[in-house]
Amino acid sequence: EICACLVGSEMCIRDRSALLLLLLTGCDSEETKAAKEGFSNEVERVQASYDALTAEIATAEELVVTEERPLDETLKPALEDTISDAKTVEFKSPSMPSGIDNINAATEELKNTSFDDKTQALKDAETALSNSIEQRKLVTAPSEAFVIERLRGIDGVGEIAALTEETDNNGLLGKAGTYYAKIDFASPWIKDPYSIYSGRSVAENSTDGGGSVEVFETEELAQKRNDYLGAFDGGILASGSHKVLGTLVVRTSDELTASQQKKLEADIIASLTKL
């Protein structure tokens, strides 16, 4: 005896959820039916939000164990933290309350429940990590042509010259343990007409005339070069700013102001790592 109003019905119900809804609402008032339908819809919405979150957790866990390294080493731990936070969420589909007031109250509570923000946080952390992995590839032993192309059009970068063994003032190009490419550039920000940099080629002025990007086979070699340059910081032999980026050392002239060095360095890095 399901319900008196169903006795004798010839309806054939194959959908269990439809049958359940019919069982729940078959003899109810229209107001109660509407309340139960609203409750069921909210449960379905929250369950879908929770299912999306659990699926995104699985996707994030696959990414976070990759052996590929990001350019920004903080992004993998950040994703791990986001995963841990998402895993604190639990949801168990509630049963239909009894009484219209209780149903409406439970429905209102469900309306304030969603896991979409945590799902989006996972997606954002995944995107940041994935992008950083690709950025690291861009600046890991790139070609000379790639560096030249990325330097073009940067404010503060003028004429560009790829050095050869003959034009490398340091005499290091291509030797074991040092850079296999060095791209110097002049900077229009160095304007003193009486400067020793006037009337000379980009290669002759080298980094002092604006800046340079030195390209190494490994990050270890780039760091070793950066440490060497750092030994002269603050002294009369200081050659300007220098920063390791993948297997590159990005350098700017000591003839630039501190603010010019920072801007130029940041713009070069942004261009070299643009996806």
C-alpha atoms as a PDB file:
ATOM      1  CA  GLU A   1       0.000   0.000   0.000  1.00  0.00           C
ATOM      2  CA  ILE A   2       2.134   2.806  -1.324  1.00  0.00           C
ATOM      3  CA  CYS A   3      -0.475   5.524  -1.111  1.00  0.00           C
ATOM      4  CA  ALA A   4      -4.211   5.592  -1.519  1.00  0.00           C
ATOM      5  CA  CYS A   5      -4.122   7.995  -4.416  1.00  0.00           C
ATOM      6  CA  LEU A   6      -1.895   5.602  -6.377  1.00  0.00           C
ATOM      7  CA  VAL A   7      -4.126   2.567  -6.106  1.00  0.00           C
ATOM      8  CA  GLY A   8      -5.293   1.448  -9.484  1.00  0.00           C
ATOM      9  CA  SER A   9      -2.836   3.608 -11.350  1.00  0.00           C
ATOM     10  CA  GLU A  10      -1.801   2.223 -14.715  1.00  0.00           C
ATOM     11  CA  MET A  11       1.348   4.348 -14.841  1.00  0.00           C
ATOM     12  CA  CYS A  12       4.513   2.335 -15.526  1.00  0.00           C
ATOM     13  CA  ILE A  13       7.508   3.930 -13.728  1.00  0.00           C
ATOM     14  CA  ARG A  14      10.934   2.697 -14.722  1.00  0.00           C
ATOM     15  CA  ASP A  15      12.966   5.610 -13.289  1.00  0.00           C
ATOM     16  CA  ARG A  16      13.742   4.958  -9.614  1.00  0.00           C
ATOM     17  CA  SER A  17      14.234   8.659  -8.846  1.00  0.00           C
ATOM     18  CA  ALA A  18      10.889   9.469 -10.423  1.00  0.00           C
ATOM     19  CA  LEU A  19       9.278   6.692  -8.424  1.00  0.00           C
ATOM     20  CA  LEU A  20      10.884   7.962  -5.237  1.00  0.00           C
ATOM     21  CA  LEU A  21       9.637  11.481  -5.903  1.00  0.00           C
ATOM     22  CA  LEU A  22       6.195  10.108  -6.613  1.00  0.00           C
ATOM     23  CA  LEU A  23       6.230   8.118  -3.392  1.00  0.00           C
ATOM     24  CA  LEU A  24       7.327  11.197  -1.478  1.00  0.00           C
ATOM     25  CA  THR A  25       4.859  13.607  -3.030  1.00  0.00           C
ATOM     26  CA  GLY A  26       1.995  11.493  -4.301  1.00  0.00           C
ATOM     27  CA  CYS A  27      -0.447  12.379  -1.524  1.00  0.00           C
ATOM     28  CA  ASP A  28       1.040  15.706  -0.423  1.00  0.00           C
ATOM     29  CA  SER A  29      -0.444  19.140  -0.806  1.00  0.00           C
ATOM     30  CA  GLU A  30       0.870  21.273  -3.641  1.00  0.00           C
ATOM     31  CA  GLU A  31       2.840  23.342  -1.124  1.00  0.00           C
ATOM     32  CA  THR A  32       4.494  20.284   0.360  1.00  0.00           C
ATOM     33  CA  LYS A  33       5.242  18.878  -3.100  1.00  0.00           C
ATOM     34  CA  ALA A  34       6.941  22.139  -4.062  1.00  0.00           C
ATOM     35  CA  ALA A  35       8.965  22.128  -0.837  1.00  0.00           C
ATOM     36  CA  LYS A  36      10.136  18.557  -1.396  1.00  0.00           C
ATOM     37  CA  GLU A  37      11.028  19.267  -5.011  1.00  0.00           C
ATOM     38  CA  GLY A  38      13.026  22.329  -3.952  1.00  0.00           C
ATOM     39  CA  PHE A  39      14.883  20.281  -1.355  1.00  0.00           C
ATOM     40  CA  SER A  40      15.672  17.521  -3.863  1.00  0.00           C
ATOM     41  CA  ASN A  41      16.950  20.054  -6.405  1.00  0.00           C
ATOM     42  CA  GLU A  42      19.290  21.602  -3.852  1.00  0.00           C
ATOM     43  CA  VAL A  43      20.609  18.215  -2.784  1.00  0.00           C
ATOM     44  CA  GLU A  44      21.279  17.395  -6.429  1.00  0.00           C
ATOM     45  CA  ARG A  45      23.073  20.730  -6.963  1.00  0.00           C
ATOM     46  CA  VAL A  46      25.292  20.376  -3.890  1.00  0.00           C
ATOM     47  CA  GLN A  47      26.077  16.753  -4.737  1.00  0.00           C
ATOM     48  CA  ALA A  48      27.155  17.823  -8.234  1.00  0.00           C
ATOM     49  CA  SER A  49      29.367  20.532  -6.717  1.00  0.00           C
ATOM     50  CA  TYR A  50      30.937  17.983  -4.370  1.00  0.00           C
ATOM     51  CA  ASP A  51      31.465  15.455  -7.176  1.00  0.00           C
ATOM     52  CA  ALA A  52      33.202  18.144  -9.241  1.00  0.00           C
ATOM     53  CA  LEU A  53      35.487  18.900  -6.309  1.00  0.00           C
ATOM     54  CA  THR A  54      36.471  15.269  -5.763  1.00  0.00           C
ATOM     55  CA  ALA A  55      37.179  14.905  -9.497  1.00  0.00           C
ATOM     56  CA  GLU A  56      39.371  18.021  -9.441  1.00  0.00           C
ATOM     57  CA  ILE A  57      41.258  16.708  -6.411  1.00  0.00           C
ATOM     58  CA  ALA A  58      42.139  13.596  -8.411  1.00  0.00           C
ATOM     59  CA  THR A  59      43.352  15.747 -11.329  1.00  0.00           C
ATOM     60  CA  ALA A  60      45.448  17.910  -9.003  1.00  0.00           C
ATOM     61  CA  GLU A  61      47.005  14.878  -7.336  1.00  0.00           C
ATOM     62  CA  GLU A  62      48.146  13.573 -10.718  1.00  0.00           C
ATOM     63  CA  LEU A  63      49.798  16.877 -11.546  1.00  0.00           C
ATOM     64  CA  VAL A  64      51.499  17.453  -8.200  1.00  0.00           C
ATOM     65  CA  VAL A  65      53.521  14.220  -8.438  1.00  0.00           C
ATOM     66  CA  THR A  66      55.031  15.119 -11.810  1.00  0.00           C
ATOM     67  CA  GLU A  67      58.810  15.011 -11.974  1.00  0.00           C
ATOM     68  CA  GLU A  68      58.864  18.084 -14.202  1.00  0.00           C
ATOM     69  CA  ARG A  69      60.105  21.157 -12.343  1.00  0.00           C
ATOM     70  CA  PRO A  70      58.376  24.531 -12.419  1.00  0.00           C
ATOM     71  CA  LEU A  71      60.251  27.785 -12.823  1.00  0.00           C
ATOM     72  CA  ASP A  72      58.697  28.919  -9.541  1.00  0.00           C
ATOM     73  CA  GLU A  73      59.544  26.191  -7.034  1.00  0.00           C
ATOM     74  CA  THR A  74      56.909  27.439  -4.561  1.00  0.00           C
ATOM     75  CA  LEU A  75      53.996  26.461  -6.789  1.00  0.00           C
ATOM     76  CA  LYS A  76      54.128  22.704  -6.187  1.00  0.00           C
ATOM     77  CA  PRO A  77      53.926  23.042  -2.369  1.00  0.00           C
ATOM     78  CA  ALA A  78      51.152  25.598  -2.914  1.00  0.00           C
ATOM     79  CA  LEU A  79      49.141  23.062  -4.911  1.00  0.00           C
ATOM     80  CA  GLU A  80      49.767  20.428  -2.244  1.00  0.00           C
ATOM     81  CA  ASP A  81      48.356  22.796   0.375  1.00  0.00           C
ATOM     82  CA  THR A  82      45.316  23.505  -1.785  1.00  0.00           C
ATOM     83  CA  ILE A  83      44.700  19.782  -2.204  1.00  0.00           C
ATOM     84  CA  SER A  84      44.947  19.236   1.554  1.00  0.00           C
ATOM     85  CA  ASP A  85      42.451  22.022   2.164  1.00  0.00           C
ATOM     86  CA  ALA A  86      40.028  20.596  -0.410  1.00  0.00           C
ATOM     87  CA  LYS A  87      40.204  17.174   1.213  1.00  0.00           C
ATOM     88  CA  THR A  88      38.819  18.564   4.488  1.00  0.00           C
ATOM     89  CA  VAL A  89      35.442  18.919   2.773  1.00  0.00           C
ATOM     90  CA  GLU A  90      32.869  16.181   3.302  1.00  0.00           C
ATOM     91  CA  PHE A  91      29.310  15.908   2.065  1.00  0.00           C
ATOM     92  CA  LYS A  92      26.731  13.185   2.623  1.00  0.00           C
ATOM     93  CA  SER A  93      23.426  13.519   0.840  1.00  0.00           C
ATOM     94  CA  PRO A  94      20.803  14.261   3.530  1.00  0.00           C
ATOM     95  CA  SER A  95      17.469  12.505   3.889  1.00  0.00           C
ATOM     96  CA  MET A  96      14.202  14.311   3.293  1.00  0.00           C
ATOM     97  CA  PRO A  97      13.107  15.960   6.574  1.00  0.00           C
ATOM     98  CA  SER A  98       9.589  15.517   7.846  1.00  0.00           C
ATOM     99  CA  GLY A  99       7.267  18.501   7.949  1.00  0.00           C
ATOM    100  CA  ILE A 100       7.165  21.400   5.524  1.00  0.00           C
ATOM    101  CA  ASP A 101       8.889  23.810   7.906  1.00  0.00           C
ATOM    102  CA  ASN A 102      11.823  21.451   8.407  1.00  0.00           C
ATOM    103  CA  ILE A 103      12.035  20.818   4.678  1.00  0.00           C
ATOM    104  CA  ASN A 104      12.154  24.534   3.888  1.00  0.00           C
ATOM    105  CA  ALA A 105      14.743  25.168   6.605  1.00  0.00           C
ATOM    106  CA  ALA A 106      16.964  22.365   5.295  1.00  0.00           C
ATOM    107  CA  THR A 107      16.581  23.688   1.757  1.00  0.00           C
ATOM    108  CA  GLU A 108      17.702  27.173   2.795  1.00  0.00           C
ATOM    109  CA  GLU A 109      20.738  25.696   4.512  1.00  0.00           C
ATOM    110  CA  LEU A 110      21.618  23.773   1.370  1.00  0.00           C
ATOM    111  CA  LYS A 111      21.350  26.944  -0.712  1.00  0.00           C
ATOM    112  CA  ASN A 112      24.314  28.305   1.234  1.00  0.00           C
ATOM    113  CA  THR A 113      26.384  25.199   0.532  1.00  0.00           C
ATOM    114  CA  SER A 114      28.743  24.989  -2.435  1.00  0.00           C
ATOM    115  CA  PHE A 115      32.228  23.654  -3.066  1.00  0.00           C
ATOM    116  CA  ASP A 116      32.776  25.579  -6.297  1.00  0.00           C
ATOM    117  CA  ASP A 117      35.229  28.005  -4.672  1.00  0.00           C
ATOM    118  CA  LYS A 118      37.512  25.177  -3.576  1.00  0.00           C
ATOM    119  CA  THR A 119      37.261  23.562  -7.012  1.00  0.00           C
ATOM    120  CA  GLN A 120      38.269  26.861  -8.605  1.00  0.00           C
ATOM    121  CA  ALA A 121      41.157  27.248  -6.153  1.00  0.00           C
ATOM    122  CA  LEU A 122      42.453  23.850  -7.281  1.00  0.00           C
ATOM    123  CA  LYS A 123      42.116  24.783 -10.947  1.00  0.00           C
ATOM    124  CA  ASP A 124      43.964  28.058 -10.389  1.00  0.00           C
ATOM    125  CA  ALA A 125      46.799  26.313  -8.533  1.00  0.00           C
ATOM    126  CA  GLU A 126      47.017  23.656 -11.249  1.00  0.00           C
ATOM    127  CA  THR A 127      47.160  26.285 -13.993  1.00  0.00           C
ATOM    128  CA  ALA A 128      49.872  28.222 -12.187  1.00  0.00           C
ATOM    129  CA  LEU A 129      51.986  25.089 -11.761  1.00  0.00           C
ATOM    130  CA  SER A 130      51.445  23.866 -15.334  1.00  0.00           C
ATOM    131  CA  ASN A 131      52.330  27.278 -16.764  1.00  0.00           C
ATOM    132  CA  SER A 132      55.447  27.496 -14.621  1.00  0.00           C
ATOM    133  CA  ILE A 133      56.588  24.083 -15.848  1.00  0.00           C
ATOM    134  CA  GLU A 134      56.246  25.300 -19.438  1.00  0.00           C
ATOM    135  CA  GLN A 135      58.041  28.545 -18.594  1.00  0.00           C
ATOM    136  CA  ARG A 136      60.994  26.623 -17.222  1.00  0.00           C
ATOM    137  CA  LYS A 137      61.259  24.761 -20.508  1.00  0.00           C
ATOM    138  CA  LEU A 138      61.466  28.067 -22.384  1.00  0.00           C
ATOM    139  CA  VAL A 139      64.538  29.186 -20.429  1.00  0.00           C
ATOM    140  CA  THR A 140      66.313  25.844 -20.215  1.00  0.00           C
ATOM    141  CA  ALA A 141      69.178  25.832 -22.743  1.00  0.00           C
ATOM    142  CA  PRO A 142      67.260  27.833 -25.365  1.00  0.00           C
ATOM    143  CA  SER A 143      68.623  28.747 -28.761  1.00  0.00           C
ATOM    144  CA  GLU A 144      70.431  31.981 -29.432  1.00  0.00           C
ATOM    145  CA  ALA A 145      67.685  32.918 -31.904  1.00  0.00           C
ATOM    146  CA  PHE A 146      64.993  32.490 -29.236  1.00  0.00           C
ATOM    147  CA  VAL A 147      66.734  34.911 -26.876  1.00  0.00           C
ATOM    148  CA  ILE A 148      67.247  37.502 -29.599  1.00  0.00           C
ATOM    149  CA  GLU A 149      63.608  37.300 -30.645  1.00  0.00           C
ATOM    150  CA  ARG A 150      62.408  37.761 -27.056  1.00  0.00           C
ATOM    151  CA  LEU A 151      64.680  40.769 -26.491  1.00  0.00           C
ATOM    152  CA  ARG A 152      63.293  42.658 -29.475  1.00  0.00           C
ATOM    153  CA  GLY A 153      60.767  45.344 -28.686  1.00  0.00           C
ATOM    154  CA  ILE A 154      61.512  45.615 -24.962  1.00  0.00           C
ATOM    155  CA  ASP A 155      61.578  49.196 -23.709  1.00  0.00           C
ATOM    156  CA  GLY A 156      65.184  49.987 -22.805  1.00  0.00           C
ATOM    157  CA  VAL A 157      66.659  47.465 -25.250  1.00  0.00           C
ATOM    158  CA  GLY A 158      68.206  48.917 -28.369  1.00  0.00           C
ATOM    159  CA  GLU A 159      70.577  47.282 -30.838  1.00  0.00           C
ATOM    160  CA  ILE A 160      71.190  43.598 -30.202  1.00  0.00           C
ATOM    161  CA  ALA A 161      74.291  41.568 -31.033  1.00  0.00           C
ATOM    162  CA  ALA A 162      74.964  37.844 -30.698  1.00  0.00           C
ATOM    163  CA  LEU A 163      78.625  37.435 -29.812  1.00  0.00           C
ATOM    164  CA  THR A 164      81.123  35.207 -31.566  1.00  0.00           C
ATOM    165  CA  GLU A 165      84.419  33.823 -30.329  1.00  0.00           C
ATOM    166  CA  GLU A 166      86.086  36.834 -31.947  1.00  0.00           C
ATOM    167  CA  THR A 167      83.781  39.480 -30.474  1.00  0.00           C
ATOM    168  CA  ASP A 168      83.398  38.070 -26.960  1.00  0.00           C
ATOM    169  CA  ASN A 169      85.510  40.384 -24.792  1.00  0.00           C
ATOM    170  CA  ASN A 170      85.565  37.799 -22.020  1.00  0.00           C
ATOM    171  CA  GLY A 171      87.001  35.094 -24.279  1.00  0.00           C
ATOM    172  CA  LEU A 172      84.637  32.573 -22.687  1.00  0.00           C
ATOM    173  CA  LEU A 173      82.138  31.779 -25.423  1.00  0.00           C
ATOM    174  CA  GLY A 174      81.809  28.051 -26.067  1.00  0.00           C
ATOM    175  CA  LYS A 175      84.478  26.988 -23.588  1.00  0.00           C
ATOM    176  CA  ALA A 176      83.847  24.176 -21.114  1.00  0.00           C
ATOM    177  CA  GLY A 177      81.852  25.239 -18.076  1.00  0.00           C
ATOM    178  CA  THR A 178      80.722  28.593 -19.432  1.00  0.00           C
ATOM    179  CA  TYR A 179      78.089  30.082 -21.727  1.00  0.00           C
ATOM    180  CA  TYR A 180      77.494  28.727 -25.210  1.00  0.00           C
ATOM    181  CA  ALA A 181      75.723  31.913 -26.286  1.00  0.00           C
ATOM    182  CA  LYS A 182      75.954  35.528 -25.167  1.00  0.00           C
ATOM    183  CA  ILE A 183      73.607  38.172 -26.495  1.00  0.00           C
ATOM    184  CA  ASP A 184      74.551  41.776 -25.720  1.00  0.00           C
ATOM    185  CA  PHE A 185      72.321  44.780 -26.231  1.00  0.00           C
ATOM    186  CA  ALA A 186      72.689  48.544 -26.127  1.00  0.00           C
ATOM    187  CA  SER A 187      70.260  50.614 -24.090  1.00  0.00           C
ATOM    188  CA  PRO A 188      68.989  54.050 -25.143  1.00  0.00           C
ATOM    189  CA  TRP A 189      68.706  54.803 -21.433  1.00  0.00           C
ATOM    190  CA  ILE A 190      72.492  55.295 -21.348  1.00  0.00           C
ATOM    191  CA  LYS A 191      72.639  58.712 -23.011  1.00  0.00           C
ATOM    192  CA  ASP A 192      75.863  60.431 -21.923  1.00  0.00           C
ATOM    193  CA  PRO A 193      77.427  61.539 -25.251  1.00  0.00           C
ATOM    194  CA  TYR A 194      80.835  61.680 -23.613  1.00  0.00           C
ATOM    195  CA  SER A 195      80.553  58.169 -22.293  1.00  0.00           C
ATOM    196  CA  ILE A 196      83.148  55.603 -23.327  1.00  0.00           C
ATOM    197  CA  TYR A 197      80.205  53.660 -24.741  1.00  0.00           C
ATOM    198  CA  SER A 198      79.552  56.214 -27.507  1.00  0.00           C
ATOM    199  CA  GLY A 199      80.700  55.348 -31.009  1.00  0.00           C
ATOM    200  CA  ARG A 200      81.539  51.758 -30.187  1.00  0.00           C
ATOM    201  CA  SER A 201      79.818  48.561 -31.287  1.00  0.00           C
ATOM    202  CA  VAL A 202      77.386  46.671 -29.081  1.00  0.00           C
ATOM    203  CA  ALA A 203      79.913  43.857 -28.776  1.00  0.00           C
ATOM    204  CA  GLU A 204      82.705  46.256 -27.786  1.00  0.00           C
ATOM    205  CA  ASN A 205      80.585  47.827 -25.048  1.00  0.00           C
ATOM    206  CA  SER A 206      79.338  44.392 -24.000  1.00  0.00           C
ATOM    207  CA  THR A 207      77.088  44.338 -20.931  1.00  0.00           C
ATOM    208  CA  ASP A 208      78.215  47.818 -19.875  1.00  0.00           C
ATOM    209  CA  GLY A 209      76.477  49.373 -22.866  1.00  0.00           C
ATOM    210  CA  GLY A 210      73.052  48.151 -21.801  1.00  0.00           C
ATOM    211  CA  GLY A 211      72.928  44.544 -20.766  1.00  0.00           C
ATOM    212  CA  SER A 212      73.184  40.942 -21.874  1.00  0.00           C
ATOM    213  CA  VAL A 213      71.774  37.450 -21.622  1.00  0.00           C
ATOM    214  CA  GLU A 214      74.265  34.632 -21.129  1.00  0.00           C
ATOM    215  CA  VAL A 215      73.052  31.134 -22.019  1.00  0.00           C
ATOM    216  CA  PHE A 216      74.366  27.974 -20.314  1.00  0.00           C
ATOM    217  CA  GLU A 217      73.751  24.270 -20.702  1.00  0.00           C
ATOM    218  CA  THR A 218      72.735  23.748 -17.070  1.00  0.00           C
ATOM    219  CA  GLU A 219      71.295  25.698 -14.174  1.00  0.00           C
ATOM    220  CA  GLU A 220      74.336  24.812 -12.088  1.00  0.00           C
ATOM    221  CA  LEU A 221      76.664  26.518 -14.567  1.00  0.00           C
ATOM    222  CA  ALA A 222      74.399  29.573 -14.692  1.00  0.00           C
ATOM    223  CA  GLN A 223      74.385  29.779 -10.897  1.00  0.00           C
ATOM    224  CA  LYS A 224      78.166  29.438 -10.780  1.00  0.00           C
ATOM    225  CA  ARG A 225      78.505  32.359 -13.191  1.00  0.00           C
ATOM    226  CA  ASN A 226      76.013  34.407 -11.187  1.00  0.00           C
ATOM    227  CA  ASP A 227      77.945  33.747  -7.982  1.00  0.00           C
ATOM    228  CA  TYR A 228      81.131  34.877  -9.691  1.00  0.00           C
ATOM    229  CA  LEU A 229      79.523  38.147 -10.789  1.00  0.00           C
ATOM    230  CA  GLY A 230      78.115  38.629  -7.312  1.00  0.00           C
ATOM    231  CA  ALA A 231      81.593  38.665  -5.837  1.00  0.00           C
ATOM    232  CA  PHE A 232      82.108  42.094  -7.423  1.00  0.00           C
ATOM    233  CA  ASP A 233      78.816  43.649  -6.343  1.00  0.00           C
ATOM    234  CA  GLY A 234      79.201  46.965  -4.554  1.00  0.00           C
ATOM    235  CA  GLY A 235      82.803  47.466  -5.658  1.00  0.00           C
ATOM    236  CA  ILE A 236      84.556  49.379  -8.425  1.00  0.00           C
ATOM    237  CA  LEU A 237      84.473  46.254 -10.598  1.00  0.00           C
ATOM    238  CA  ALA A 238      80.706  45.780 -10.258  1.00  0.00           C
ATOM    239  CA  SER A 239      79.191  45.047 -13.664  1.00  0.00           C
ATOM    240  CA  GLY A 240      75.536  45.739 -12.864  1.00  0.00           C
ATOM    241  CA  SER A 241      72.573  43.591 -11.930  1.00  0.00           C
ATOM    242  CA  HIS A 242      72.493  39.861 -12.641  1.00  0.00           C
ATOM    243  CA  LYS A 243      69.866  37.177 -12.086  1.00  0.00           C
ATOM    244  CA  VAL A 244      69.619  33.461 -12.864  1.00  0.00           C
ATOM    245  CA  LEU A 245      66.611  32.455 -14.950  1.00  0.00           C
ATOM    246  CA  GLY A 246      66.613  28.760 -15.758  1.00  0.00           C
ATOM    247  CA  THR A 247      69.962  28.243 -17.481  1.00  0.00           C
ATOM    248  CA  LEU A 248      70.300  31.933 -18.292  1.00  0.00           C
ATOM    249  CA  VAL A 249      71.964  34.840 -16.534  1.00  0.00           C
ATOM    250  CA  VAL A 250      70.102  38.085 -17.243  1.00  0.00           C
ATOM    251  CA  ARG A 251      72.364  41.100 -16.805  1.00  0.00           C
ATOM    252  CA  THR A 252      71.903  44.883 -16.952  1.00  0.00           C
ATOM    253  CA  SER A 253      74.536  47.602 -17.065  1.00  0.00           C
ATOM    254  CA  ASP A 254      75.935  49.300 -13.976  1.00  0.00           C
ATOM    255  CA  GLU A 255      75.554  52.565 -15.931  1.00  0.00           C
ATOM    256  CA  LEU A 256      71.775  52.319 -15.418  1.00  0.00           C
ATOM    257  CA  THR A 257      70.065  53.582 -12.285  1.00  0.00           C
ATOM    258  CA  ALA A 258      68.826  51.029  -9.778  1.00  0.00           C
ATOM    259  CA  SER A 259      65.209  51.580 -10.828  1.00  0.00           C
ATOM    260  CA  GLN A 260      66.147  51.242 -14.511  1.00  0.00           C
ATOM    261  CA  GLN A 261      67.995  47.999 -13.776  1.00  0.00           C
ATOM    262  CA  LYS A 262      64.990  46.549 -11.934  1.00  0.00           C
ATOM    263  CA  LYS A 263      62.515  47.507 -14.649  1.00  0.00           C
ATOM    264  CA  LEU A 264      64.703  46.296 -17.492  1.00  0.00           C
ATOM    265  CA  GLU A 265      65.483  43.012 -15.733  1.00  0.00           C
ATOM    266  CA  ALA A 266      61.794  42.399 -14.949  1.00  0.00           C
ATOM    267  CA  ASP A 267      60.721  43.187 -18.528  1.00  0.00           C
ATOM    268  CA  ILE A 268      63.368  40.882 -19.997  1.00  0.00           C
ATOM    269  CA  ILE A 269      62.336  38.051 -17.694  1.00  0.00           C
ATOM    270  CA  ALA A 270      58.666  38.594 -18.537  1.00  0.00           C
ATOM    271  CA  SER A 271      59.420  38.430 -22.252  1.00  0.00           C
ATOM    272  CA  LEU A 272      61.646  35.364 -21.995  1.00  0.00           C
ATOM    273  CA  THR A 273      59.008  33.444 -20.024  1.00  0.00           C
ATOM    274  CA  LYS A 274      55.909  34.545 -21.932  1.00  0.00           C
ATOM    275  CA  LEU A 275      53.888  31.511 -22.984  1.00  0.00           C
END
